[in-house]
């Protein structure tokens, strides 16, 4: 089974649920606490390439930081710049197996990586 990296915020209930689901299924998981260890520019761009559902799903557009930026969530460059400046704008949880990345909203969506 391929190791799954979980972009995780332990304060987020959806993120905790996603981790519990992966552990319940016995999936090998590497936890990346992205607020403590933000993704680099290159990591973020690579994640966007693997992300299912479009770049606009990657950003938390209701956060005040995003509102102040008045950026376009469909523009990958603007999303990268916003998340680099404000890592908490990145949606969570995200499960990434190195080939595909899935946002766990709802958390059960990440189980598609186990198929």
PDB file of N, CA and C in Angstrom:
ATOM      1  N   UNK A   1       0.848  -1.178   0.000  1.00  0.00           N
ATOM      2  CA  UNK A   1       0.000   0.000   0.000  1.00  0.00           C
ATOM      3  C   UNK A   1       0.898   1.247   0.000  1.00  0.00           C
ATOM      4  N   UNK A   2       0.547   2.218  -0.815  1.00  0.00           N
ATOM      5  CA  UNK A   2       1.304   3.457  -0.933  1.00  0.00           C
ATOM      6  C   UNK A   2       1.109   4.332   0.301  1.00  0.00           C
ATOM      7  N   UNK A   3       2.211   4.934   0.753  1.00  0.00           N
ATOM      8  CA  UNK A   3       2.111   5.844   1.893  1.00  0.00           C
ATOM      9  C   UNK A   3       1.354   7.100   1.473  1.00  0.00           C
ATOM     10  N   UNK A   4       0.469   7.533   2.331  1.00  0.00           N
ATOM     11  CA  UNK A   4      -0.337   8.726   2.091  1.00  0.00           C
ATOM     12  C   UNK A   4       0.144   9.822   3.027  1.00  0.00           C
ATOM     13  N   UNK A   5       0.413  10.973   2.446  1.00  0.00           N
ATOM     14  CA  UNK A   5       0.749  12.140   3.253  1.00  0.00           C
ATOM     15  C   UNK A   5      -0.548  12.896   3.512  1.00  0.00           C
ATOM     16  N   UNK A   6      -0.815  13.146   4.770  1.00  0.00           N
ATOM     17  CA  UNK A   6      -2.017  13.877   5.158  1.00  0.00           C
ATOM     18  C   UNK A   6      -1.616  15.277   5.594  1.00  0.00           C
ATOM     19  N   UNK A   7      -2.073  16.276   4.830  1.00  0.00           N
ATOM     20  CA  UNK A   7      -1.893  17.671   5.224  1.00  0.00           C
ATOM     21  C   UNK A   7      -2.894  17.902   6.342  1.00  0.00           C
ATOM     22  N   UNK A   8      -2.386  18.029   7.546  1.00  0.00           N
ATOM     23  CA  UNK A   8      -3.203  17.881   8.743  1.00  0.00           C
ATOM     24  C   UNK A   8      -3.128  19.103   9.646  1.00  0.00           C
ATOM     25  N   UNK A   9      -4.288  19.468  10.168  1.00  0.00           N
ATOM     26  CA  UNK A   9      -4.394  20.467  11.225  1.00  0.00           C
ATOM     27  C   UNK A   9      -5.132  19.773  12.364  1.00  0.00           C
ATOM     28  N   UNK A  10      -4.430  19.409  13.437  1.00  0.00           N
ATOM     29  CA  UNK A  10      -5.080  18.662  14.519  1.00  0.00           C
ATOM     30  C   UNK A  10      -6.209  19.417  15.219  1.00  0.00           C
ATOM     31  N   UNK A  11      -6.312  20.713  15.004  1.00  0.00           N
ATOM     32  CA  UNK A  11      -7.400  21.486  15.611  1.00  0.00           C
ATOM     33  C   UNK A  11      -8.676  21.419  14.784  1.00  0.00           C
ATOM     34  N   UNK A  12      -8.594  20.847  13.584  1.00  0.00           N
ATOM     35  CA  UNK A  12      -9.732  20.763  12.671  1.00  0.00           C
ATOM     36  C   UNK A  12     -10.414  19.400  12.817  1.00  0.00           C
ATOM     37  N   UNK A  13     -11.707  19.405  13.067  1.00  0.00           N
ATOM     38  CA  UNK A  13     -12.427  18.138  13.254  1.00  0.00           C
ATOM     39  C   UNK A  13     -12.415  17.287  11.991  1.00  0.00           C
ATOM     40  N   UNK A  14     -12.532  17.901  10.818  1.00  0.00           N
ATOM     41  CA  UNK A  14     -12.518  17.140   9.559  1.00  0.00           C
ATOM     42  C   UNK A  14     -11.150  16.493   9.350  1.00  0.00           C
ATOM     43  N   UNK A  15     -10.117  17.186   9.725  1.00  0.00           N
ATOM     44  CA  UNK A  15      -8.768  16.652   9.599  1.00  0.00           C
ATOM     45  C   UNK A  15      -8.571  15.468  10.557  1.00  0.00           C
ATOM     46  N   UNK A  16      -9.057  15.605  11.759  1.00  0.00           N
ATOM     47  CA  UNK A  16      -8.967  14.491  12.724  1.00  0.00           C
ATOM     48  C   UNK A  16      -9.778  13.291  12.237  1.00  0.00           C
ATOM     49  N   UNK A  17     -10.948  13.549  11.653  1.00  0.00           N
ATOM     50  CA  UNK A  17     -11.770  12.457  11.121  1.00  0.00           C
ATOM     51  C   UNK A  17     -11.052  11.754   9.966  1.00  0.00           C
ATOM     52  N   UNK A  18     -10.416  12.520   9.097  1.00  0.00           N
ATOM     53  CA  UNK A  18      -9.695  11.927   7.967  1.00  0.00           C
ATOM     54  C   UNK A  18      -8.561  11.040   8.467  1.00  0.00           C
ATOM     55  N   UNK A  19      -7.821  11.505   9.438  1.00  0.00           N
ATOM     56  CA  UNK A  19      -6.727  10.706  10.003  1.00  0.00           C
ATOM     57  C   UNK A  19      -7.268   9.422  10.616  1.00  0.00           C
ATOM     58  N   UNK A  20      -8.355   9.513  11.351  1.00  0.00           N
ATOM     59  CA  UNK A  20      -8.961   8.324  11.967  1.00  0.00           C
ATOM     60  C   UNK A  20      -9.407   7.324  10.896  1.00  0.00           C
ATOM     61  N   UNK A  21      -9.979   7.804   9.805  1.00  0.00           N
ATOM     62  CA  UNK A  21     -10.408   6.909   8.719  1.00  0.00           C
ATOM     63  C   UNK A  21      -9.215   6.171   8.112  1.00  0.00           C
ATOM     64  N   UNK A  22      -8.145   6.900   7.842  1.00  0.00           N
ATOM     65  CA  UNK A  22      -6.955   6.266   7.266  1.00  0.00           C
ATOM     66  C   UNK A  22      -6.365   5.237   8.220  1.00  0.00           C
ATOM     67  N   UNK A  23      -6.297   5.586   9.495  1.00  0.00           N
ATOM     68  CA  UNK A  23      -5.756   4.647  10.488  1.00  0.00           C
ATOM     69  C   UNK A  23      -6.652   3.427  10.619  1.00  0.00           C
ATOM     70  N   UNK A  24      -7.963   3.637  10.592  1.00  0.00           N
ATOM     71  CA  UNK A  24      -8.923   2.533  10.682  1.00  0.00           C
ATOM     72  C   UNK A  24      -8.738   1.543   9.527  1.00  0.00           C
ATOM     73  N   UNK A  25      -8.396   2.068   8.360  1.00  0.00           N
ATOM     74  CA  UNK A  25      -8.194   1.225   7.173  1.00  0.00           C
ATOM     75  C   UNK A  25      -6.790   0.637   7.114  1.00  0.00           C
ATOM     76  N   UNK A  26      -5.947   0.986   8.085  1.00  0.00           N
ATOM     77  CA  UNK A  26      -4.590   0.450   8.114  1.00  0.00           C
ATOM     78  C   UNK A  26      -3.664   1.055   7.080  1.00  0.00           C
ATOM     79  N   UNK A  27      -4.005   2.218   6.574  1.00  0.00           N
ATOM     80  CA  UNK A  27      -3.181   2.874   5.555  1.00  0.00           C
ATOM     81  C   UNK A  27      -1.928   3.460   6.205  1.00  0.00           C
ATOM     82  N   UNK A  28      -0.787   3.319   5.547  1.00  0.00           N
ATOM     83  CA  UNK A  28       0.423   3.973   6.056  1.00  0.00           C
ATOM     84  C   UNK A  28       0.310   5.480   5.830  1.00  0.00           C
ATOM     85  N   UNK A  29       0.426   6.246   6.913  1.00  0.00           N
ATOM     86  CA  UNK A  29       0.190   7.681   6.847  1.00  0.00           C
ATOM     87  C   UNK A  29       1.396   8.442   7.377  1.00  0.00           C
ATOM     88  N   UNK A  30       1.790   9.457   6.631  1.00  0.00           N
ATOM     89  CA  UNK A  30       2.769  10.434   7.097  1.00  0.00           C
ATOM     90  C   UNK A  30       1.994  11.727   7.327  1.00  0.00           C
ATOM     91  N   UNK A  31       2.078  12.259   8.512  1.00  0.00           N
ATOM     92  CA  UNK A  31       1.334  13.464   8.851  1.00  0.00           C
ATOM     93  C   UNK A  31       2.208  14.687   8.590  1.00  0.00           C
ATOM     94  N   UNK A  32       1.658  15.635   7.848  1.00  0.00           N
ATOM     95  CA  UNK A  32       2.349  16.904   7.600  1.00  0.00           C
ATOM     96  C   UNK A  32       1.506  17.996   8.233  1.00  0.00           C
ATOM     97  N   UNK A  33       1.977  18.507   9.341  1.00  0.00           N
ATOM     98  CA  UNK A  33       1.278  19.606  10.009  1.00  0.00           C
ATOM     99  C   UNK A  33       1.672  20.890   9.293  1.00  0.00           C
ATOM    100  N   UNK A  34       0.917  21.190   8.246  1.00  0.00           N
ATOM    101  CA  UNK A  34       1.292  22.240   7.310  1.00  0.00           C
ATOM    102  C   UNK A  34       1.329  23.635   7.919  1.00  0.00           C
ATOM    103  N   UNK A  35       0.695  23.839   9.066  1.00  0.00           N
ATOM    104  CA  UNK A  35       0.790  25.143   9.726  1.00  0.00           C
ATOM    105  C   UNK A  35       2.127  25.282  10.449  1.00  0.00           C
ATOM    106  N   UNK A  36       2.666  24.161  10.937  1.00  0.00           N
ATOM    107  CA  UNK A  36       3.969  24.164  11.603  1.00  0.00           C
ATOM    108  C   UNK A  36       5.105  24.065  10.595  1.00  0.00           C
ATOM    109  N   UNK A  37       4.851  23.372   9.501  1.00  0.00           N
ATOM    110  CA  UNK A  37       5.843  23.165   8.443  1.00  0.00           C
ATOM    111  C   UNK A  37       5.176  23.465   7.096  1.00  0.00           C
ATOM    112  N   UNK A  38       5.046  24.765   6.759  1.00  0.00           N
ATOM    113  CA  UNK A  38       4.346  25.134   5.520  1.00  0.00           C
ATOM    114  C   UNK A  38       4.999  24.516   4.284  1.00  0.00           C
ATOM    115  N   UNK A  39       4.194  24.297   3.280  1.00  0.00           N
ATOM    116  CA  UNK A  39       4.699  23.773   2.023  1.00  0.00           C
ATOM    117  C   UNK A  39       5.542  24.839   1.334  1.00  0.00           C
ATOM    118  N   UNK A  40       6.584  24.386   0.662  1.00  0.00           N
ATOM    119  CA  UNK A  40       7.399  25.304  -0.126  1.00  0.00           C
ATOM    120  C   UNK A  40       6.629  25.664  -1.397  1.00  0.00           C
ATOM    121  N   UNK A  41       7.115  26.652  -2.101  1.00  0.00           N
ATOM    122  CA  UNK A  41       6.510  27.048  -3.369  1.00  0.00           C
ATOM    123  C   UNK A  41       6.439  25.847  -4.310  1.00  0.00           C
ATOM    124  N   UNK A  42       7.536  25.117  -4.439  1.00  0.00           N
ATOM    125  CA  UNK A  42       7.577  23.958  -5.344  1.00  0.00           C
ATOM    126  C   UNK A  42       6.623  22.859  -4.882  1.00  0.00           C
ATOM    127  N   UNK A  43       6.561  22.593  -3.579  1.00  0.00           N
ATOM    128  CA  UNK A  43       5.648  21.570  -3.061  1.00  0.00           C
ATOM    129  C   UNK A  43       4.196  21.955  -3.326  1.00  0.00           C
ATOM    130  N   UNK A  44       3.887  23.204  -3.129  1.00  0.00           N
ATOM    131  CA  UNK A  44       2.516  23.669  -3.332  1.00  0.00           C
ATOM    132  C   UNK A  44       2.109  23.570  -4.806  1.00  0.00           C
ATOM    133  N   UNK A  45       3.003  23.954  -5.698  1.00  0.00           N
ATOM    134  CA  UNK A  45       2.712  23.866  -7.135  1.00  0.00           C
ATOM    135  C   UNK A  45       2.544  22.408  -7.574  1.00  0.00           C
ATOM    136  N   UNK A  46       3.365  21.521  -7.037  1.00  0.00           N
ATOM    137  CA  UNK A  46       3.240  20.100  -7.362  1.00  0.00           C
ATOM    138  C   UNK A  46       1.931  19.538  -6.815  1.00  0.00           C
ATOM    139  N   UNK A  47       1.547  19.961  -5.627  1.00  0.00           N
ATOM    140  CA  UNK A  47       0.279  19.524  -5.036  1.00  0.00           C
ATOM    141  C   UNK A  47      -0.891  19.952  -5.918  1.00  0.00           C
ATOM    142  N   UNK A  48      -0.847  21.171  -6.415  1.00  0.00           N
ATOM    143  CA  UNK A  48      -1.918  21.668  -7.284  1.00  0.00           C
ATOM    144  C   UNK A  48      -2.025  20.810  -8.537  1.00  0.00           C
ATOM    145  N   UNK A  49      -0.902  20.371  -9.070  1.00  0.00           N
ATOM    146  CA  UNK A  49      -0.908  19.519 -10.270  1.00  0.00           C
ATOM    147  C   UNK A  49      -1.606  18.181 -10.005  1.00  0.00           C
ATOM    148  N   UNK A  50      -1.484  17.664  -8.791  1.00  0.00           N
ATOM    149  CA  UNK A  50      -2.079  16.364  -8.439  1.00  0.00           C
ATOM    150  C   UNK A  50      -3.499  16.487  -7.893  1.00  0.00           C
ATOM    151  N   UNK A  51      -3.913  17.689  -7.557  1.00  0.00           N
ATOM    152  CA  UNK A  51      -5.178  17.914  -6.866  1.00  0.00           C
ATOM    153  C   UNK A  51      -6.376  17.607  -7.746  1.00  0.00           C
ATOM    154  N   UNK A  52      -7.265  16.803  -7.226  1.00  0.00           N
ATOM    155  CA  UNK A  52      -8.520  16.514  -7.912  1.00  0.00           C
ATOM    156  C   UNK A  52      -9.552  17.567  -7.521  1.00  0.00           C
ATOM    157  N   UNK A  53     -10.273  18.063  -8.510  1.00  0.00           N
ATOM    158  CA  UNK A  53     -11.365  18.986  -8.227  1.00  0.00           C
ATOM    159  C   UNK A  53     -11.070  20.446  -8.501  1.00  0.00           C
ATOM    160  N   UNK A  54      -9.863  20.782  -8.922  1.00  0.00           N
ATOM    161  CA  UNK A  54      -9.557  22.160  -9.280  1.00  0.00           C
ATOM    162  C   UNK A  54      -8.917  22.960  -8.176  1.00  0.00           C
ATOM    163  N   UNK A  55      -8.099  23.916  -8.583  1.00  0.00           N
ATOM    164  CA  UNK A  55      -7.328  24.724  -7.646  1.00  0.00           C
ATOM    165  C   UNK A  55      -8.210  25.550  -6.715  1.00  0.00           C
ATOM    166  N   UNK A  56      -9.389  25.929  -7.171  1.00  0.00           N
ATOM    167  CA  UNK A  56     -10.251  26.763  -6.320  1.00  0.00           C
ATOM    168  C   UNK A  56     -10.688  26.052  -5.048  1.00  0.00           C
ATOM    169  N   UNK A  57     -10.645  24.731  -5.051  1.00  0.00           N
ATOM    170  CA  UNK A  57     -11.005  23.981  -3.832  1.00  0.00           C
ATOM    171  C   UNK A  57      -9.895  24.027  -2.790  1.00  0.00           C
ATOM    172  N   UNK A  58      -8.683  24.403  -3.204  1.00  0.00           N
ATOM    173  CA  UNK A  58      -7.528  24.372  -2.305  1.00  0.00           C
ATOM    174  C   UNK A  58      -7.524  25.516  -1.296  1.00  0.00           C
ATOM    175  N   UNK A  59      -8.236  26.577  -1.591  1.00  0.00           N
ATOM    176  CA  UNK A  59      -8.158  27.770  -0.749  1.00  0.00           C
ATOM    177  C   UNK A  59      -9.458  27.982   0.035  1.00  0.00           C
ATOM    178  N   UNK A  60      -9.280  28.428   1.265  1.00  0.00           N
ATOM    179  CA  UNK A  60     -10.408  28.709   2.151  1.00  0.00           C
ATOM    180  C   UNK A  60     -10.854  30.162   1.903  1.00  0.00           C
ATOM    181  N   UNK A  61     -11.763  30.313   0.976  1.00  0.00           N
ATOM    182  CA  UNK A  61     -12.146  31.643   0.503  1.00  0.00           C
ATOM    183  C   UNK A  61     -12.975  32.453   1.500  1.00  0.00           C
ATOM    184  N   UNK A  62     -13.465  31.848   2.541  1.00  0.00           N
ATOM    185  CA  UNK A  62     -14.264  32.589   3.522  1.00  0.00           C
ATOM    186  C   UNK A  62     -13.411  33.209   4.629  1.00  0.00           C
ATOM    187  N   UNK A  63     -12.121  32.890   4.638  1.00  0.00           N
ATOM    188  CA  UNK A  63     -11.232  33.443   5.661  1.00  0.00           C
ATOM    189  C   UNK A  63     -10.984  34.929   5.385  1.00  0.00           C
ATOM    190  N   UNK A  64     -10.816  35.702   6.437  1.00  0.00           N
ATOM    191  CA  UNK A  64     -10.633  37.150   6.282  1.00  0.00           C
ATOM    192  C   UNK A  64      -9.374  37.487   5.483  1.00  0.00           C
ATOM    193  N   UNK A  65      -8.314  36.684   5.641  1.00  0.00           N
ATOM    194  CA  UNK A  65      -7.085  36.945   4.888  1.00  0.00           C
ATOM    195  C   UNK A  65      -7.348  36.873   3.380  1.00  0.00           C
ATOM    196  N   UNK A  66      -8.141  35.880   2.969  1.00  0.00           N
ATOM    197  CA  UNK A  66      -8.463  35.730   1.550  1.00  0.00           C
ATOM    198  C   UNK A  66      -9.324  36.901   1.077  1.00  0.00           C
ATOM    199  N   UNK A  67     -10.311  37.271   1.875  1.00  0.00           N
ATOM    200  CA  UNK A  67     -11.204  38.371   1.507  1.00  0.00           C
ATOM    201  C   UNK A  67     -10.412  39.663   1.289  1.00  0.00           C
ATOM    202  N   UNK A  68      -9.424  39.907   2.141  1.00  0.00           N
ATOM    203  CA  UNK A  68      -8.610  41.117   2.019  1.00  0.00           C
ATOM    204  C   UNK A  68      -7.777  41.106   0.749  1.00  0.00           C
ATOM    205  N   UNK A  69      -7.377  39.926   0.301  1.00  0.00           N
ATOM    206  CA  UNK A  69      -6.545  39.826  -0.902  1.00  0.00           C
ATOM    207  C   UNK A  69      -7.330  40.102  -2.177  1.00  0.00           C
ATOM    208  N   UNK A  70      -8.632  39.844  -2.152  1.00  0.00           N
ATOM    209  CA  UNK A  70      -9.480  39.992  -3.338  1.00  0.00           C
ATOM    210  C   UNK A  70      -8.864  39.260  -4.533  1.00  0.00           C
ATOM    211  N   UNK A  71      -8.358  38.066  -4.285  1.00  0.00           N
ATOM    212  CA  UNK A  71      -7.707  37.265  -5.317  1.00  0.00           C
ATOM    213  C   UNK A  71      -8.729  36.363  -6.014  1.00  0.00           C
ATOM    214  N   UNK A  72      -8.299  35.780  -7.119  1.00  0.00           N
ATOM    215  CA  UNK A  72      -9.136  34.880  -7.899  1.00  0.00           C
ATOM    216  C   UNK A  72      -8.759  33.444  -7.563  1.00  0.00           C
ATOM    217  N   UNK A  73      -9.671  32.708  -6.964  1.00  0.00           N
ATOM    218  CA  UNK A  73      -9.397  31.330  -6.531  1.00  0.00           C
ATOM    219  C   UNK A  73      -9.191  30.378  -7.702  1.00  0.00           C
ATOM    220  N   UNK A  74      -9.521  30.794  -8.898  1.00  0.00           N
ATOM    221  CA  UNK A  74      -9.313  29.937 -10.074  1.00  0.00           C
ATOM    222  C   UNK A  74      -7.941  30.146 -10.688  1.00  0.00           C
ATOM    223  N   UNK A  75      -7.210  31.128 -10.194  1.00  0.00           N
ATOM    224  CA  UNK A  75      -5.886  31.453 -10.715  1.00  0.00           C
ATOM    225  C   UNK A  75      -4.817  30.773  -9.852  1.00  0.00           C
ATOM    226  N   UNK A  76      -4.177  29.721 -10.370  1.00  0.00           N
ATOM    227  CA  UNK A  76      -3.187  28.992  -9.563  1.00  0.00           C
ATOM    228  C   UNK A  76      -2.092  29.887  -8.990  1.00  0.00           C
ATOM    229  N   UNK A  77      -1.640  30.865  -9.745  1.00  0.00           N
ATOM    230  CA  UNK A  77      -0.574  31.752  -9.258  1.00  0.00           C
ATOM    231  C   UNK A  77      -1.044  32.556  -8.048  1.00  0.00           C
ATOM    232  N   UNK A  78      -2.255  33.078  -8.101  1.00  0.00           N
ATOM    233  CA  UNK A  78      -2.783  33.850  -6.975  1.00  0.00           C
ATOM    234  C   UNK A  78      -3.003  32.960  -5.762  1.00  0.00           C
ATOM    235  N   UNK A  79      -3.446  31.734  -5.995  1.00  0.00           N
ATOM    236  CA  UNK A  79      -3.648  30.785  -4.894  1.00  0.00           C
ATOM    237  C   UNK A  79      -2.313  30.449  -4.235  1.00  0.00           C
ATOM    238  N   UNK A  80      -1.296  30.181  -5.037  1.00  0.00           N
ATOM    239  CA  UNK A  80       0.034  29.868  -4.491  1.00  0.00           C
ATOM    240  C   UNK A  80       0.539  31.037  -3.652  1.00  0.00           C
ATOM    241  N   UNK A  81       0.467  32.234  -4.199  1.00  0.00           N
ATOM    242  CA  UNK A  81       0.968  33.403  -3.471  1.00  0.00           C
ATOM    243  C   UNK A  81       0.204  33.616  -2.160  1.00  0.00           C
ATOM    244  N   UNK A  82      -1.094  33.425  -2.188  1.00  0.00           N
ATOM    245  CA  UNK A  82      -1.910  33.608  -0.984  1.00  0.00           C
ATOM    246  C   UNK A  82      -1.560  32.581   0.089  1.00  0.00           C
ATOM    247  N   UNK A  83      -1.416  31.314  -0.312  1.00  0.00           N
ATOM    248  CA  UNK A  83      -1.116  30.269   0.667  1.00  0.00           C
ATOM    249  C   UNK A  83       0.318  30.398   1.185  1.00  0.00           C
ATOM    250  N   UNK A  84       1.227  30.828   0.324  1.00  0.00           N
ATOM    251  CA  UNK A  84       2.598  31.045   0.788  1.00  0.00           C
ATOM    252  C   UNK A  84       2.634  32.133   1.862  1.00  0.00           C
ATOM    253  N   UNK A  85       1.838  33.171   1.683  1.00  0.00           N
ATOM    254  CA  UNK A  85       1.794  34.268   2.652  1.00  0.00           C
ATOM    255  C   UNK A  85       0.969  33.919   3.890  1.00  0.00           C
ATOM    256  N   UNK A  86      -0.058  33.090   3.697  1.00  0.00           N
ATOM    257  CA  UNK A  86      -0.985  32.752   4.784  1.00  0.00           C
ATOM    258  C   UNK A  86      -1.298  31.251   4.718  1.00  0.00           C
ATOM    259  N   UNK A  87      -0.438  30.387   5.269  1.00  0.00           N
ATOM    260  CA  UNK A  87      -0.656  28.935   5.154  1.00  0.00           C
ATOM    261  C   UNK A  87      -2.015  28.454   5.647  1.00  0.00           C
ATOM    262  N   UNK A  88      -2.627  29.176   6.557  1.00  0.00           N
ATOM    263  CA  UNK A  88      -3.928  28.730   7.072  1.00  0.00           C
ATOM    264  C   UNK A  88      -5.037  28.835   6.036  1.00  0.00           C
ATOM    265  N   UNK A  89      -4.755  29.484   4.906  1.00  0.00           N
ATOM    266  CA  UNK A  89      -5.742  29.564   3.828  1.00  0.00           C
ATOM    267  C   UNK A  89      -5.877  28.251   3.069  1.00  0.00           C
ATOM    268  N   UNK A  90      -4.929  27.338   3.250  1.00  0.00           N
ATOM    269  CA  UNK A  90      -5.014  26.064   2.550  1.00  0.00           C
ATOM    270  C   UNK A  90      -6.106  25.202   3.179  1.00  0.00           C
ATOM    271  N   UNK A  91      -6.974  24.688   2.343  1.00  0.00           N
ATOM    272  CA  UNK A  91      -8.055  23.812   2.809  1.00  0.00           C
ATOM    273  C   UNK A  91      -7.442  22.556   3.416  1.00  0.00           C
ATOM    274  N   UNK A  92      -8.157  21.982   4.337  1.00  0.00           N
ATOM    275  CA  UNK A  92      -7.714  20.736   4.958  1.00  0.00           C
ATOM    276  C   UNK A  92      -8.915  19.880   5.257  1.00  0.00           C
ATOM    277  N   UNK A  93      -8.677  18.622   5.389  1.00  0.00           N
ATOM    278  CA  UNK A  93      -7.431  17.885   5.188  1.00  0.00           C
ATOM    279  C   UNK A  93      -7.215  17.581   3.710  1.00  0.00           C
ATOM    280  N   UNK A  94      -5.969  17.333   3.361  1.00  0.00           N
ATOM    281  CA  UNK A  94      -5.629  16.893   2.011  1.00  0.00           C
ATOM    282  C   UNK A  94      -4.823  15.614   2.151  1.00  0.00           C
ATOM    283  N   UNK A  95      -5.254  14.584   1.449  1.00  0.00           N
ATOM    284  CA  UNK A  95      -4.524  13.318   1.410  1.00  0.00           C
ATOM    285  C   UNK A  95      -3.842  13.240   0.054  1.00  0.00           C
ATOM    286  N   UNK A  96      -2.562  12.889   0.065  1.00  0.00           N
ATOM    287  CA  UNK A  96      -1.744  12.904  -1.148  1.00  0.00           C
ATOM    288  C   UNK A  96      -0.904  11.628  -1.188  1.00  0.00           C
ATOM    289  N   UNK A  97      -1.076  10.860  -2.270  1.00  0.00           N
ATOM    290  CA  UNK A  97      -0.283   9.634  -2.398  1.00  0.00           C
ATOM    291  C   UNK A  97       0.896   9.801  -3.360  1.00  0.00           C
ATOM    292  N   UNK A  98       1.151  11.035  -3.779  1.00  0.00           N
ATOM    293  CA  UNK A  98       2.241  11.309  -4.698  1.00  0.00           C
ATOM    294  C   UNK A  98       1.821  11.291  -6.156  1.00  0.00           C
ATOM    295  N   UNK A  99       0.659  10.716  -6.424  1.00  0.00           N
ATOM    296  CA  UNK A  99       0.105  10.698  -7.781  1.00  0.00           C
ATOM    297  C   UNK A  99      -1.175  11.507  -7.853  1.00  0.00           C
ATOM    298  N   UNK A 100      -1.977  11.389  -6.781  1.00  0.00           N
ATOM    299  CA  UNK A 100      -3.244  12.113  -6.680  1.00  0.00           C
ATOM    300  C   UNK A 100      -3.334  12.738  -5.310  1.00  0.00           C
ATOM    301  N   UNK A 101      -4.010  13.876  -5.262  1.00  0.00           N
ATOM    302  CA  UNK A 101      -4.277  14.541  -3.984  1.00  0.00           C
ATOM    303  C   UNK A 101      -5.769  14.838  -3.924  1.00  0.00           C
ATOM    304  N   UNK A 102      -6.355  14.532  -2.775  1.00  0.00           N
ATOM    305  CA  UNK A 102      -7.795  14.692  -2.597  1.00  0.00           C
ATOM    306  C   UNK A 102      -8.064  15.486  -1.323  1.00  0.00           C
ATOM    307  N   UNK A 103      -8.933  16.476  -1.445  1.00  0.00           N
ATOM    308  CA  UNK A 103      -9.354  17.245  -0.281  1.00  0.00           C
ATOM    309  C   UNK A 103     -10.440  16.454   0.432  1.00  0.00           C
ATOM    310  N   UNK A 104     -10.282  16.278   1.719  1.00  0.00           N
ATOM    311  CA  UNK A 104     -11.206  15.484   2.515  1.00  0.00           C
ATOM    312  C   UNK A 104     -12.404  16.271   3.001  1.00  0.00           C
ATOM    313  N   UNK A 105     -13.178  16.760   2.093  1.00  0.00           N
ATOM    314  CA  UNK A 105     -14.435  17.453   2.401  1.00  0.00           C
ATOM    315  C   UNK A 105     -15.530  16.815   1.586  1.00  0.00           C
ATOM    316  N   UNK A 106     -16.203  15.824   2.096  1.00  0.00           N
ATOM    317  CA  UNK A 106     -16.146  15.254   3.436  1.00  0.00           C
ATOM    318  C   UNK A 106     -14.929  14.335   3.591  1.00  0.00           C
ATOM    319  N   UNK A 107     -14.559  14.035   4.827  1.00  0.00           N
ATOM    320  CA  UNK A 107     -13.360  13.233   5.090  1.00  0.00           C
ATOM    321  C   UNK A 107     -13.341  11.883   4.337  1.00  0.00           C
ATOM    322  N   UNK A 108     -14.492  11.301   4.119  1.00  0.00           N
ATOM    323  CA  UNK A 108     -14.573  10.000   3.438  1.00  0.00           C
ATOM    324  C   UNK A 108     -14.029  10.045   2.008  1.00  0.00           C
ATOM    325  N   UNK A 109     -13.980  11.226   1.419  1.00  0.00           N
ATOM    326  CA  UNK A 109     -13.471  11.346   0.047  1.00  0.00           C
ATOM    327  C   UNK A 109     -12.039  10.834  -0.081  1.00  0.00           C
ATOM    328  N   UNK A 110     -11.251  10.984   0.975  1.00  0.00           N
ATOM    329  CA  UNK A 110      -9.846  10.571   0.881  1.00  0.00           C
ATOM    330  C   UNK A 110      -9.674   9.076   0.728  1.00  0.00           C
ATOM    331  N   UNK A 111     -10.690   8.313   1.069  1.00  0.00           N
ATOM    332  CA  UNK A 111     -10.597   6.858   0.963  1.00  0.00           C
ATOM    333  C   UNK A 111     -10.441   6.394  -0.492  1.00  0.00           C
ATOM    334  N   UNK A 112     -10.744   7.276  -1.453  1.00  0.00           N
ATOM    335  CA  UNK A 112     -10.559   6.943  -2.868  1.00  0.00           C
ATOM    336  C   UNK A 112      -9.094   6.655  -3.166  1.00  0.00           C
ATOM    337  N   UNK A 113      -8.177   7.181  -2.380  1.00  0.00           N
ATOM    338  CA  UNK A 113      -6.750   6.897  -2.601  1.00  0.00           C
ATOM    339  C   UNK A 113      -6.392   5.461  -2.243  1.00  0.00           C
ATOM    340  N   UNK A 114      -7.244   4.789  -1.515  1.00  0.00           N
ATOM    341  CA  UNK A 114      -6.958   3.416  -1.093  1.00  0.00           C
ATOM    342  C   UNK A 114      -7.419   2.388  -2.109  1.00  0.00           C
ATOM    343  N   UNK A 115      -8.165   2.814  -3.126  1.00  0.00           N
ATOM    344  CA  UNK A 115      -8.680   1.888  -4.151  1.00  0.00           C
ATOM    345  C   UNK A 115      -7.604   1.442  -5.102  1.00  0.00           C
TER     346      UNK A 115
END
